[in-house]
Every structure is written in C-alpha cells, then in structure tokens.
C-alpha atoms as a PDB file:
ATOM      1  CA  MET A   1     178.193  69.855 160.663  1.00  0.00           C
ATOM      2  CA  THR A   2     175.786  70.436 157.711  1.00  0.00           C
ATOM      3  CA  PRO A   3     175.628  74.286 157.264  1.00  0.00           C
ATOM      4  CA  ARG A   4     172.488  74.363 155.126  1.00  0.00           C
ATOM      5  CA  LEU A   5     169.232  72.415 154.517  1.00  0.00           C
ATOM      6  CA  ASN A   6     166.168  73.245 152.309  1.00  0.00           C
ATOM      7  CA  LEU A   7     163.077  73.782 154.486  1.00  0.00           C
ATOM      8  CA  ARG A   8     160.319  76.310 153.872  1.00  0.00           C
ATOM      9  CA  CYS A   9     158.934  77.948 157.099  1.00  0.00           C
ATOM     10  CA  ALA A  10     155.461  76.808 156.006  1.00  0.00           C
ATOM     11  CA  ASP A  11     156.683  73.193 156.052  1.00  0.00           C
ATOM     12  CA  CYS A  12     158.450  73.407 159.410  1.00  0.00           C
ATOM     13  CA  GLY A  13     157.385  71.233 162.343  1.00  0.00           C
ATOM     14  CA  ILE A  14     157.883  73.840 164.875  1.00  0.00           C
ATOM     15  CA  ARG A  15     156.106  76.523 162.901  1.00  0.00           C
ATOM     16  CA  HIS A  16     153.240  77.198 165.327  1.00  0.00           C
ATOM     17  CA  ARG A  17     155.375  77.082 168.510  1.00  0.00           C
ATOM     18  CA  ALA A  18     158.679  78.755 167.679  1.00  0.00           C
ATOM     19  CA  VAL A  19     159.555  82.445 167.602  1.00  0.00           C
ATOM     20  CA  CYS A  20     157.879  82.971 164.220  1.00  0.00           C
ATOM     21  CA  ALA A  21     154.577  81.509 165.400  1.00  0.00           C
ATOM     22  CA  ARG A  22     152.520  84.629 164.998  1.00  0.00           C
ATOM     23  CA  CYS A  23     154.168  85.970 161.916  1.00  0.00           C
ATOM     24  CA  ASP A  24     152.092  86.423 158.580  1.00  0.00           C
ATOM     25  CA  GLU A  25     153.374  85.458 155.112  1.00  0.00           C
ATOM     26  CA  THR A  26     155.072  88.812 154.565  1.00  0.00           C
ATOM     27  CA  GLU A  27     156.987  88.569 157.972  1.00  0.00           C
ATOM     28  CA  LEU A  28     157.887  84.920 157.271  1.00  0.00           C
ATOM     29  CA  ALA A  29     159.251  86.032 153.994  1.00  0.00           C
ATOM     30  CA  ARG A  30     161.474  88.606 155.652  1.00  0.00           C
ATOM     31  CA  LEU A  31     162.698  86.134 157.994  1.00  0.00           C
ATOM     32  CA  GLU A  32     163.575  83.749 155.180  1.00  0.00           C
ATOM     33  CA  GLU A  33     165.935  86.341 154.084  1.00  0.00           C
ATOM     34  CA  VAL A  34     168.118  86.009 157.060  1.00  0.00           C
ATOM     35  CA  LYS A  35     167.770  82.353 158.204  1.00  0.00           C
ATOM     36  CA  PHE A  36     169.987  79.344 157.570  1.00  0.00           C
ATOM     37  CA  TYR A  37     170.090  75.864 158.855  1.00  0.00           C
ATOM     38  CA  ARG A  38     172.858  73.983 160.780  1.00  0.00           C
ATOM     39  CA  SER A  39     172.885  70.388 161.607  1.00  0.00           C
ATOM     40  CA  TYR A  40     174.965  68.882 164.562  1.00  0.00           C
ATOM     41  CA  GLU A  41     175.814  65.277 165.383  1.00  0.00           C
ATOM     42  CA  ALA A  42     175.123  63.876 168.868  1.00  0.00           C
ATOM     43  CA  GLY A  43     177.907  64.989 171.234  1.00  0.00           C
ATOM     44  CA  GLN A  44     178.984  67.970 169.136  1.00  0.00           C
ATOM     45  CA  LYS A  45     179.536  71.351 170.628  1.00  0.00           C
ATOM     46  CA  ILE A  46     177.206  73.903 169.355  1.00  0.00           C
ATOM     47  CA  VAL A  47     178.338  76.933 171.428  1.00  0.00           C
ATOM     48  CA  TRP A  48     181.203  77.356 173.904  1.00  0.00           C
ATOM     49  CA  ALA A  49     180.550  79.727 176.774  1.00  0.00           C
ATOM     50  CA  GLY A  50     182.410  82.898 176.282  1.00  0.00           C
ATOM     51  CA  ASP A  51     182.572  82.692 172.483  1.00  0.00           C
ATOM     52  CA  GLU A  52     180.941  85.325 170.383  1.00  0.00           C
ATOM     53  CA  LEU A  53     177.629  84.121 169.125  1.00  0.00           C
ATOM     54  CA  SER A  54     176.990  85.255 165.626  1.00  0.00           C
ATOM     55  CA  PHE A  55     173.473  83.773 165.449  1.00  0.00           C
ATOM     56  CA  VAL A  56     170.201  83.267 167.357  1.00  0.00           C
ATOM     57  CA  GLY A  57     167.735  80.522 166.374  1.00  0.00           C
ATOM     58  CA  SER A  58     165.377  77.741 167.287  1.00  0.00           C
ATOM     59  CA  VAL A  59     165.851  73.960 167.848  1.00  0.00           C
ATOM     60  CA  VAL A  60     163.979  72.383 164.868  1.00  0.00           C
ATOM     61  CA  SER A  61     164.796  68.660 165.938  1.00  0.00           C
ATOM     62  CA  GLY A  62     166.688  66.866 168.509  1.00  0.00           C
ATOM     63  CA  ILE A  63     167.740  67.872 171.988  1.00  0.00           C
ATOM     64  CA  ALA A  64     170.519  69.958 173.024  1.00  0.00           C
ATOM     65  CA  THR A  65     171.969  70.651 176.637  1.00  0.00           C
ATOM     66  CA  MET A  66     173.211  73.882 178.327  1.00  0.00           C
ATOM     67  CA  SER A  67     175.973  73.607 180.891  1.00  0.00           C
ATOM     68  CA  GLN A  68     178.274  75.498 182.948  1.00  0.00           C
ATOM     69  CA  THR A  69     181.756  74.271 183.896  1.00  0.00           C
ATOM     70  CA  LEU A  70     183.332  75.379 187.305  1.00  0.00           C
ATOM     71  CA  GLU A  71     186.834  76.324 187.720  1.00  0.00           C
ATOM     72  CA  ASP A  72     187.500  72.918 189.317  1.00  0.00           C
ATOM     73  CA  GLY A  73     186.025  70.953 186.366  1.00  0.00           C
ATOM     74  CA  ARG A  74     182.781  70.120 187.787  1.00  0.00           C
ATOM     75  CA  VAL A  75     179.887  70.480 185.255  1.00  0.00           C
ATOM     76  CA  GLN A  76     176.400  71.528 186.032  1.00  0.00           C
ATOM     77  CA  MET A  77     173.807  71.180 183.247  1.00  0.00           C
ATOM     78  CA  VAL A  78     171.385  74.182 183.605  1.00  0.00           C
ATOM     79  CA  GLY A  79     168.874  73.417 180.876  1.00  0.00           C
ATOM     80  CA  LEU A  80     167.659  71.293 178.129  1.00  0.00           C
ATOM     81  CA  LEU A  81     166.791  72.687 174.808  1.00  0.00           C
ATOM     82  CA  LEU A  82     163.898  70.777 172.940  1.00  0.00           C
ATOM     83  CA  PRO A  83     162.192  71.474 169.578  1.00  0.00           C
ATOM     84  CA  SER A  84     160.980  75.125 169.445  1.00  0.00           C
ATOM     85  CA  ASP A  85     163.339  76.369 172.019  1.00  0.00           C
ATOM     86  CA  PHE A  86     165.400  79.453 171.327  1.00  0.00           C
ATOM     87  CA  ILE A  87     169.314  79.647 171.425  1.00  0.00           C
ATOM     88  CA  GLY A  88     170.886  83.034 172.168  1.00  0.00           C
ATOM     89  CA  ARG A  89     169.517  86.384 173.315  1.00  0.00           C
ATOM     90  CA  PRO A  90     169.144  89.500 170.983  1.00  0.00           C
ATOM     91  CA  GLY A  91     171.512  92.318 172.351  1.00  0.00           C
ATOM     92  CA  ARG A  92     174.026  89.829 173.920  1.00  0.00           C
ATOM     93  CA  ASP A  93     176.935  88.580 171.668  1.00  0.00           C
ATOM     94  CA  ILE A  94     178.736  86.446 174.136  1.00  0.00           C
ATOM     95  CA  ALA A  95     177.466  82.880 174.980  1.00  0.00           C
ATOM     96  CA  PRO A  96     176.979  82.414 178.689  1.00  0.00           C
ATOM     97  CA  TYR A  97     176.699  78.719 178.601  1.00  0.00           C
ATOM     98  CA  ASP A  98     178.190  75.723 176.742  1.00  0.00           C
ATOM     99  CA  VAL A  99     175.352  74.260 174.435  1.00  0.00           C
ATOM    100  CA  ALA A 100     176.062  70.777 172.983  1.00  0.00           C
ATOM    101  CA  ALA A 101     173.873  68.231 170.896  1.00  0.00           C
ATOM    102  CA  ALA A 102     172.591  65.506 173.215  1.00  0.00           C
ATOM    103  CA  SER A 103     171.115  63.815 169.901  1.00  0.00           C
ATOM    104  CA  ASP A 104     171.522  64.830 166.340  1.00  0.00           C
ATOM    105  CA  VAL A 105     170.320  68.399 166.263  1.00  0.00           C
ATOM    106  CA  THR A 106     168.981  70.734 163.622  1.00  0.00           C
ATOM    107  CA  LEU A 107     168.765  74.458 164.222  1.00  0.00           C
ATOM    108  CA  CYS A 108     167.005  77.136 162.270  1.00  0.00           C
ATOM    109  CA  CYS A 109     169.340  80.012 162.661  1.00  0.00           C
ATOM    110  CA  PHE A 110     169.082  83.717 162.073  1.00  0.00           C
ATOM    111  CA  ARG A 111     172.101  86.054 161.776  1.00  0.00           C
ATOM    112  CA  ARG A 112     172.070  88.076 165.018  1.00  0.00           C
ATOM    113  CA  ALA A 113     172.545  91.517 163.876  1.00  0.00           C
ATOM    114  CA  PRO A 114     169.792  91.423 161.083  1.00  0.00           C
ATOM    115  CA  PHE A 115     167.453  89.656 163.416  1.00  0.00           C
ATOM    116  CA  GLU A 116     167.986  92.277 166.043  1.00  0.00           C
ATOM    117  CA  ARG A 117     166.870  94.901 163.540  1.00  0.00           C
ATOM    118  CA  LEU A 118     163.852  92.865 162.454  1.00  0.00           C
ATOM    119  CA  LEU A 119     162.646  92.777 166.165  1.00  0.00           C
ATOM    120  CA  ALA A 120     162.026  96.496 166.131  1.00  0.00           C
ATOM    121  CA  GLU A 121     160.005  96.183 162.960  1.00  0.00           C
ATOM    122  CA  MET A 122     158.116  93.020 163.573  1.00  0.00           C
ATOM    123  CA  PRO A 123     156.246  93.169 167.032  1.00  0.00           C
ATOM    124  CA  HIS A 124     154.885  89.546 166.452  1.00  0.00           C
ATOM    125  CA  VAL A 125     158.274  88.236 166.619  1.00  0.00           C
ATOM    126  CA  ALA A 126     159.250  90.466 169.578  1.00  0.00           C
ATOM    127  CA  GLY A 127     156.180  89.573 171.538  1.00  0.00           C
ATOM    128  CA  ARG A 128     156.523  85.837 171.012  1.00  0.00           C
ATOM    129  CA  LEU A 129     160.208  85.867 172.018  1.00  0.00           C
ATOM    130  CA  LEU A 130     159.212  87.700 175.310  1.00  0.00           C
ATOM    131  CA  GLU A 131     156.553  85.166 175.820  1.00  0.00           C
ATOM    132  CA  MET A 132     159.008  82.290 175.375  1.00  0.00           C
ATOM    133  CA  THR A 133     161.504  84.071 177.642  1.00  0.00           C
ATOM    134  CA  LEU A 134     158.930  84.205 180.524  1.00  0.00           C
ATOM    135  CA  ASP A 135     157.948  80.676 179.952  1.00  0.00           C
ATOM    136  CA  GLU A 136     161.698  79.753 180.345  1.00  0.00           C
ATOM    137  CA  LEU A 137     161.811  81.764 183.610  1.00  0.00           C
ATOM    138  CA  ASP A 138     158.710  79.921 184.860  1.00  0.00           C
ATOM    139  CA  ALA A 139     160.315  76.476 183.908  1.00  0.00           C
ATOM    140  CA  ALA A 140     163.622  77.419 185.653  1.00  0.00           C
ATOM    141  CA  ARG A 141     161.832  78.480 188.783  1.00  0.00           C
ATOM    142  CA  GLU A 142     159.975  75.202 188.651  1.00  0.00           C
ATOM    143  CA  TRP A 143     163.075  73.258 188.275  1.00  0.00           C
ATOM    144  CA  MET A 144     164.608  74.981 191.243  1.00  0.00           C
ATOM    145  CA  MET A 145     161.846  73.441 193.313  1.00  0.00           C
ATOM    146  CA  VAL A 146     162.593  70.115 191.648  1.00  0.00           C
ATOM    147  CA  LEU A 147     166.111  70.067 192.654  1.00  0.00           C
ATOM    148  CA  GLY A 148     165.654  71.742 196.053  1.00  0.00           C
ATOM    149  CA  ARG A 149     162.781  69.806 197.477  1.00  0.00           C
ATOM    150  CA  LYS A 150     162.308  66.384 195.720  1.00  0.00           C
ATOM    151  CA  THR A 151     163.749  62.877 196.162  1.00  0.00           C
ATOM    152  CA  ALA A 152     165.825  61.210 193.637  1.00  0.00           C
ATOM    153  CA  ARG A 153     162.908  59.249 192.396  1.00  0.00           C
ATOM    154  CA  GLU A 154     160.699  62.268 192.125  1.00  0.00           C
ATOM    155  CA  ARG A 155     163.275  64.212 190.195  1.00  0.00           C
ATOM    156  CA  ILE A 156     163.593  61.418 187.534  1.00  0.00           C
ATOM    157  CA  ALA A 157     159.849  61.256 187.230  1.00  0.00           C
ATOM    158  CA  SER A 158     159.749  64.955 186.928  1.00  0.00           C
ATOM    159  CA  LEU A 159     162.233  64.993 184.066  1.00  0.00           C
ATOM    160  CA  LEU A 160     160.307  62.289 182.155  1.00  0.00           C
ATOM    161  CA  VAL A 161     156.982  64.145 182.679  1.00  0.00           C
ATOM    162  CA  SER A 162     158.650  67.356 181.507  1.00  0.00           C
ATOM    163  CA  VAL A 163     159.694  65.770 178.218  1.00  0.00           C
ATOM    164  CA  ALA A 164     156.363  64.052 177.720  1.00  0.00           C
ATOM    165  CA  ARG A 165     154.417  67.322 178.254  1.00  0.00           C
ATOM    166  CA  ARG A 166     156.547  68.953 175.445  1.00  0.00           C
ATOM    167  CA  GLU A 167     155.843  65.931 173.106  1.00  0.00           C
ATOM    168  CA  ALA A 168     152.206  66.163 173.951  1.00  0.00           C
ATOM    169  CA  SER A 169     152.321  69.930 172.836  1.00  0.00           C
ATOM    170  CA  PHE A 170     153.380  68.657 169.432  1.00  0.00           C
ATOM    171  CA  ASP A 171     150.509  66.177 169.352  1.00  0.00           C
ATOM    172  CA  MET A 172     152.964  63.231 169.626  1.00  0.00           C
ATOM    173  CA  VAL A 173     151.301  61.574 172.545  1.00  0.00           C
ATOM    174  CA  PRO A 174     148.900  58.793 171.345  1.00  0.00           C
ATOM    175  CA  ARG A 175     145.494  58.792 172.660  1.00  0.00           C
ATOM    176  CA  SER A 176     145.731  55.238 173.776  1.00  0.00           C
ATOM    177  CA  GLY A 177     148.615  52.669 174.265  1.00  0.00           C
ATOM    178  CA  ASP A 178     152.165  53.209 175.537  1.00  0.00           C
ATOM    179  CA  LEU A 179     153.941  56.440 175.258  1.00  0.00           C
ATOM    180  CA  ARG A 180     157.371  56.193 173.875  1.00  0.00           C
ATOM    181  CA  LEU A 181     159.970  58.912 174.585  1.00  0.00           C
ATOM    182  CA  ASP A 182     163.285  59.370 172.873  1.00  0.00           C
ATOM    183  CA  LEU A 183     165.471  60.538 175.661  1.00  0.00           C
ATOM    184  CA  PRO A 184     168.953  60.879 174.291  1.00  0.00           C
ATOM    185  CA  LEU A 185     170.610  61.758 177.558  1.00  0.00           C
ATOM    186  CA  THR A 186     173.293  59.430 179.090  1.00  0.00           C
ATOM    187  CA  ARG A 187     173.193  58.433 182.635  1.00  0.00           C
ATOM    188  CA  GLU A 188     175.929  60.913 183.158  1.00  0.00           C
ATOM    189  CA  ALA A 189     174.060  63.866 181.569  1.00  0.00           C
ATOM    190  CA  MET A 190     171.107  62.979 183.468  1.00  0.00           C
ATOM    191  CA  SER A 191     172.958  63.062 186.826  1.00  0.00           C
ATOM    192  CA  GLU A 192     174.504  66.417 185.840  1.00  0.00           C
ATOM    193  CA  TYR A 193     170.930  67.949 185.230  1.00  0.00           C
ATOM    194  CA  LEU A 194     169.209  66.279 188.177  1.00  0.00           C
ATOM    195  CA  GLY A 195     172.122  66.809 190.662  1.00  0.00           C
ATOM    196  CA  LEU A 196     172.358  63.214 191.565  1.00  0.00           C
ATOM    197  CA  THR A 197     175.079  60.475 191.115  1.00  0.00           C
ATOM    198  CA  ILE A 198     175.159  58.338 188.027  1.00  0.00           C
ATOM    199  CA  GLU A 199     174.705  55.387 190.394  1.00  0.00           C
ATOM    200  CA  THR A 200     171.609  56.955 191.884  1.00  0.00           C
ATOM    201  CA  VAL A 201     170.008  57.654 188.326  1.00  0.00           C
ATOM    202  CA  SER A 202     170.744  54.112 187.312  1.00  0.00           C
ATOM    203  CA  ARG A 203     169.171  52.459 190.340  1.00  0.00           C
ATOM    204  CA  GLN A 204     166.085  54.693 190.294  1.00  0.00           C
ATOM    205  CA  ILE A 205     165.376  54.166 186.779  1.00  0.00           C
ATOM    206  CA  SER A 206     165.836  50.488 187.129  1.00  0.00           C
ATOM    207  CA  GLN A 207     163.485  50.521 190.070  1.00  0.00           C
ATOM    208  CA  LEU A 208     160.853  52.516 188.165  1.00  0.00           C
ATOM    209  CA  GLY A 209     161.210  49.819 185.451  1.00  0.00           C
ATOM    210  CA  ARG A 210     160.811  46.870 187.893  1.00  0.00           C
ATOM    211  CA  GLU A 211     157.581  48.409 189.297  1.00  0.00           C
ATOM    212  CA  GLY A 212     156.156  48.956 185.718  1.00  0.00           C
ATOM    213  CA  VAL A 213     155.977  52.676 185.921  1.00  0.00           C
ATOM    214  CA  ILE A 214     158.385  52.853 182.879  1.00  0.00           C
ATOM    215  CA  ALA A 215     159.830  50.292 180.672  1.00  0.00           C
ATOM    216  CA  LEU A 216     163.091  50.480 178.529  1.00  0.00           C
ATOM    217  CA  ASP A 217     163.292  48.928 175.031  1.00  0.00           C
ATOM    218  CA  ASP A 218     166.768  49.972 174.739  1.00  0.00           C
ATOM    219  CA  ARG A 219     169.318  52.326 176.415  1.00  0.00           C
ATOM    220  CA  ARG A 220     167.629  55.511 175.270  1.00  0.00           C
ATOM    221  CA  ARG A 221     164.055  54.866 174.522  1.00  0.00           C
ATOM    222  CA  ILE A 222     161.559  54.818 177.380  1.00  0.00           C
ATOM    223  CA  LEU A 223     157.923  53.458 177.328  1.00  0.00           C
ATOM    224  CA  ILE A 224     155.350  55.021 179.734  1.00  0.00           C
ATOM    225  CA  PRO A 225     152.383  52.718 179.999  1.00  0.00           C
ATOM    226  CA  ASP A 226     150.344  55.105 182.232  1.00  0.00           C
ATOM    227  CA  LEU A 227     151.426  58.757 182.192  1.00  0.00           C
ATOM    228  CA  ASP A 228     149.128  59.559 185.058  1.00  0.00           C
ATOM    229  CA  ARG A 229     150.938  57.072 187.248  1.00  0.00           C
ATOM    230  CA  LEU A 230     154.199  58.422 186.379  1.00  0.00           C
ATOM    231  CA  LYS A 231     152.821  62.003 187.258  1.00  0.00           C
ATOM    232  CA  ARG A 232     151.991  60.703 190.686  1.00  0.00           C
ATOM    233  CA  GLU A 233     155.678  59.695 191.078  1.00  0.00           C
ATOM    234  CA  THR A 234     156.698  63.266 190.715  1.00  0.00           C
ATOM    235  CA  GLY A 235     155.587  64.098 194.333  1.00  0.00           C
ATOM    236  CA  ASP A 236     153.984  67.386 193.134  1.00  0.00           C
ATOM    237  CA  ASP A 237     150.904  66.721 195.459  1.00  0.00           C
ATOM    238  CA  ALA A 238     153.124  66.081 198.470  1.00  0.00           C
ATOM    239  CA  ILE A 239     155.357  69.236 198.302  1.00  0.00           C
ATOM    240  CA  MET A 240     154.638  71.262 201.489  1.00  0.00           C
ATOM    241  CA  ALA A 241     154.851  74.896 201.539  1.00  0.00           C
END
C-alpha cells in the first residue's frame, strides 16, 4: 500500500461527482488539510468487517467490492464501489462489511473525526453526502429487483449496463464505435455478486459473446458494440408488477 500521493483537488478526476462536488475554493482548502491518499493492489483488503474505521473517503480510481461472510464461510458480495463512491459513514466507527480492491484502487481519504466536525460547518459537503447516500439506497433497491426477478442472462446484462452507465457519467463512453469496459471482477466475484454459480456466469457470458451482444478481448476487458442492444438484454421492459 502506498500511503500518500500528490494530487490537488482541482486536478482530481472525480472532483465534480464526489462528496466535495459542491465545495468552493475555501471549502476545498479545508478538506485538503484533513485528506490523504492510499493505494491498494488488486486483491488487497481495504477494510475488514468489524474493524475500527479511522477514515472515510472516496474511490478515485479502480473498483472495490463490499462483501459479508456468513458463519459457515459463504460469502455474499453486497456492493461495488466505483470512482466517486464513498467508503465509510460519519458517526459509525466500525466497518460493517469487508471492502477489497478488485483492481488497483486509489482512495482519497479523510480522517474520520475531523471530517465529522467539518460536516457541521460545511453544508455543501453534508448535503452532497446525503444525496449520494439516497442514490446508494435507490441502487440497492434496484439491485434487489435484479436478484429477485431476473434470469441469469438478465443479471449479467444488468451488471454490464450499470458499469457502462457509470462510465458514461464520466464522459468515458465514445459517441460512436465500441464501448470498452474494464471489469476487473473474476468469474467467482461476479457469481457472488449476482447470486449465480461460476459455471452459469461463464456460460452466459460466453453465450452473449457468441451472439455478438458483447465481445471479450481478454479475460477482463469487455467490448459492447451496441449498448442499446445490451440494455434490451436486461429484461427491464419484461418485468411484470
């Protein structure tokens, strides 16, 4: 783990979507005083469930997973953390989930106690954090529907579309040509997140590839020739009330 990097808030790629999105220069300067960066290699644990969490922060780059382990050893992935997503909760010093780096990850961290004090003095930060939390709640409800009502093929398509939408929000989706997604999740991780077996994940991805809905240029990089066609595979229009 690399504890510190040199990156000014004004130069940050997630600046306009993260918790500091509405901050003015004065507020950014105050956040600079309590922030630091940490980098993690793919596969490295960021936080263990039950540990004291001394910091909160945003994903600057990479993808992390949140998971919970049952007493019998079964693992359920409960969320993905993509760039600009927030780790930790002010007022809660114990981590509820394991957080691990699925790819190389860089975090912009804030020491928890000073950050909590700043929330009372910086309504722009508090308001943005509330907005992000409500968005996370909406996403969780939507994912409950994905896991409860959709077929294996529709679940995989929904995951790919979800990541594609996030990349679109960062203006990373080309206006024409193939959309390329870096999805640094193993088949095992995808199976945990989607509630499927590894064999089912592999079979459905291969089938989508044979039909030309997606293409694989290596194990982790996915090409989407037609995003609208992939959206049709999510089954959203077919879900009945």
